[in-house]
Amino acid sequence: VQPATEQDDTQKVLEQNRTQLEDQRLQEDARFTLLDSIDSMDREAVIAWAELHYKQKIRGNTSLAKAREMAKGFVDQYGMPA
């Protein structure tokens, strides 16, 4: 039988791990939602979004597919916008 303090520590560690996993899942869900949102934007919206959130310019003559790819790259490179 373990002393009560060791059991308490184990429960605390398990709870911290559970909380971290839940936080990671929520962050991943938010990221996938953002990527889906980018997929639904038109070219002008993607260009404006990249400028607004990352201060990155996407040229106006860039194809929609390339603009979306670049915007998703900004998410990967710089993280989720605030």
C-alpha atoms as a PDB file:
ATOM      1  CA  VAL A   1       0.000   0.000   0.000  1.00  0.00           C
ATOM      2  CA  GLN A   2       1.366   3.357  -1.028  1.00  0.00           C
ATOM      3  CA  PRO A   3       1.406   6.295   1.320  1.00  0.00           C
ATOM      4  CA  ALA A   4      -1.429   8.755   0.759  1.00  0.00           C
ATOM      5  CA  THR A   5       0.934  11.462  -0.515  1.00  0.00           C
ATOM      6  CA  GLU A   6       2.172   9.239  -3.358  1.00  0.00           C
ATOM      7  CA  GLN A   7      -1.387   8.424  -4.368  1.00  0.00           C
ATOM      8  CA  ASP A   8      -2.245  12.106  -4.271  1.00  0.00           C
ATOM      9  CA  ASP A   9       0.766  12.894  -6.467  1.00  0.00           C
ATOM     10  CA  THR A  10      -0.263  10.200  -8.948  1.00  0.00           C
ATOM     11  CA  GLN A  11      -3.781  11.587  -9.174  1.00  0.00           C
ATOM     12  CA  LYS A  12      -2.382  15.093  -9.626  1.00  0.00           C
ATOM     13  CA  VAL A  13      -0.071  13.946 -12.442  1.00  0.00           C
ATOM     14  CA  LEU A  14      -2.875  12.017 -14.135  1.00  0.00           C
ATOM     15  CA  GLU A  15      -5.163  15.043 -13.946  1.00  0.00           C
ATOM     16  CA  GLN A  16      -2.435  17.306 -15.381  1.00  0.00           C
ATOM     17  CA  ASN A  17      -1.888  14.859 -18.256  1.00  0.00           C
ATOM     18  CA  ARG A  18      -5.621  14.678 -18.932  1.00  0.00           C
ATOM     19  CA  THR A  19      -5.852  18.471 -18.940  1.00  0.00           C
ATOM     20  CA  GLN A  20      -2.875  18.765 -21.289  1.00  0.00           C
ATOM     21  CA  LEU A  21      -4.369  16.208 -23.683  1.00  0.00           C
ATOM     22  CA  GLU A  22      -7.698  18.035 -23.654  1.00  0.00           C
ATOM     23  CA  ASP A  23      -5.950  21.357 -24.342  1.00  0.00           C
ATOM     24  CA  GLN A  24      -4.024  19.780 -27.230  1.00  0.00           C
ATOM     25  CA  ARG A  25      -7.229  18.348 -28.677  1.00  0.00           C
ATOM     26  CA  LEU A  26      -8.952  21.721 -28.470  1.00  0.00           C
ATOM     27  CA  GLN A  27      -5.988  23.423 -30.175  1.00  0.00           C
ATOM     28  CA  GLU A  28      -5.947  20.815 -32.939  1.00  0.00           C
ATOM     29  CA  ASP A  29      -9.705  21.175 -33.427  1.00  0.00           C
ATOM     30  CA  ALA A  30      -9.335  24.958 -33.691  1.00  0.00           C
ATOM     31  CA  ARG A  31      -6.493  24.552 -36.195  1.00  0.00           C
ATOM     32  CA  PHE A  32      -8.487  22.181 -38.401  1.00  0.00           C
ATOM     33  CA  THR A  33     -11.492  24.512 -38.227  1.00  0.00           C
ATOM     34  CA  LEU A  34      -9.286  27.398 -39.345  1.00  0.00           C
ATOM     35  CA  LEU A  35      -7.831  25.366 -42.215  1.00  0.00           C
ATOM     36  CA  ASP A  36     -11.353  24.408 -43.311  1.00  0.00           C
ATOM     37  CA  SER A  37     -12.311  28.071 -43.141  1.00  0.00           C
ATOM     38  CA  ILE A  38      -9.380  29.002 -45.397  1.00  0.00           C
ATOM     39  CA  ASP A  39     -10.572  26.347 -47.861  1.00  0.00           C
ATOM     40  CA  SER A  40     -13.936  28.094 -48.086  1.00  0.00           C
ATOM     41  CA  MET A  41     -12.505  31.601 -48.714  1.00  0.00           C
ATOM     42  CA  ASP A  42     -12.228  33.161 -52.131  1.00  0.00           C
ATOM     43  CA  ARG A  43      -8.888  34.502 -53.333  1.00  0.00           C
ATOM     44  CA  GLU A  44      -9.458  38.087 -52.165  1.00  0.00           C
ATOM     45  CA  ALA A  45     -10.541  36.898 -48.724  1.00  0.00           C
ATOM     46  CA  VAL A  46      -7.452  34.679 -48.366  1.00  0.00           C
ATOM     47  CA  ILE A  47      -5.188  37.560 -49.385  1.00  0.00           C
ATOM     48  CA  ALA A  48      -6.876  39.942 -46.916  1.00  0.00           C
ATOM     49  CA  TRP A  49      -6.811  37.324 -44.147  1.00  0.00           C
ATOM     50  CA  ALA A  50      -3.067  36.683 -44.552  1.00  0.00           C
ATOM     51  CA  GLU A  51      -2.375  40.428 -44.456  1.00  0.00           C
ATOM     52  CA  LEU A  52      -4.597  40.990 -41.415  1.00  0.00           C
ATOM     53  CA  HIS A  53      -3.395  38.085 -39.271  1.00  0.00           C
ATOM     54  CA  TYR A  54       0.213  37.596 -40.354  1.00  0.00           C
ATOM     55  CA  LYS A  55       1.172  40.849 -42.111  1.00  0.00           C
ATOM     56  CA  GLN A  56       2.101  38.694 -45.099  1.00  0.00           C
ATOM     57  CA  LYS A  57       1.426  39.850 -48.642  1.00  0.00           C
ATOM     58  CA  ILE A  58       0.090  37.419 -51.208  1.00  0.00           C
ATOM     59  CA  ARG A  59       0.237  38.838 -54.711  1.00  0.00           C
ATOM     60  CA  GLY A  60      -3.085  39.612 -56.314  1.00  0.00           C
ATOM     61  CA  ASN A  61      -2.340  37.460 -59.366  1.00  0.00           C
ATOM     62  CA  THR A  62      -1.694  34.352 -57.256  1.00  0.00           C
ATOM     63  CA  SER A  63      -4.104  31.511 -58.000  1.00  0.00           C
ATOM     64  CA  LEU A  64      -6.738  30.643 -55.422  1.00  0.00           C
ATOM     65  CA  ALA A  65      -5.171  27.233 -54.760  1.00  0.00           C
ATOM     66  CA  LYS A  66      -1.711  28.755 -54.270  1.00  0.00           C
ATOM     67  CA  ALA A  67      -3.073  31.556 -52.044  1.00  0.00           C
ATOM     68  CA  ARG A  68      -4.822  29.002 -49.837  1.00  0.00           C
ATOM     69  CA  GLU A  69      -1.662  26.901 -49.697  1.00  0.00           C
ATOM     70  CA  MET A  70       0.373  29.940 -48.676  1.00  0.00           C
ATOM     71  CA  ALA A  71      -2.149  30.953 -45.999  1.00  0.00           C
ATOM     72  CA  LYS A  72      -2.124  27.451 -44.529  1.00  0.00           C
ATOM     73  CA  GLY A  73       1.669  27.617 -44.571  1.00  0.00           C
ATOM     74  CA  PHE A  74       1.516  30.778 -42.451  1.00  0.00           C
ATOM     75  CA  VAL A  75      -0.593  28.898 -39.903  1.00  0.00           C
ATOM     76  CA  ASP A  76       2.000  26.107 -39.828  1.00  0.00           C
ATOM     77  CA  GLN A  77       4.950  28.485 -39.713  1.00  0.00           C
ATOM     78  CA  TYR A  78       3.691  31.146 -37.296  1.00  0.00           C
ATOM     79  CA  GLY A  79       1.002  29.328 -35.349  1.00  0.00           C
ATOM     80  CA  MET A  80      -2.639  30.164 -34.850  1.00  0.00           C
ATOM     81  CA  PRO A  81      -3.508  33.854 -35.122  1.00  0.00           C
ATOM     82  CA  ALA A  82      -4.509  35.623 -31.936  1.00  0.00           C
END
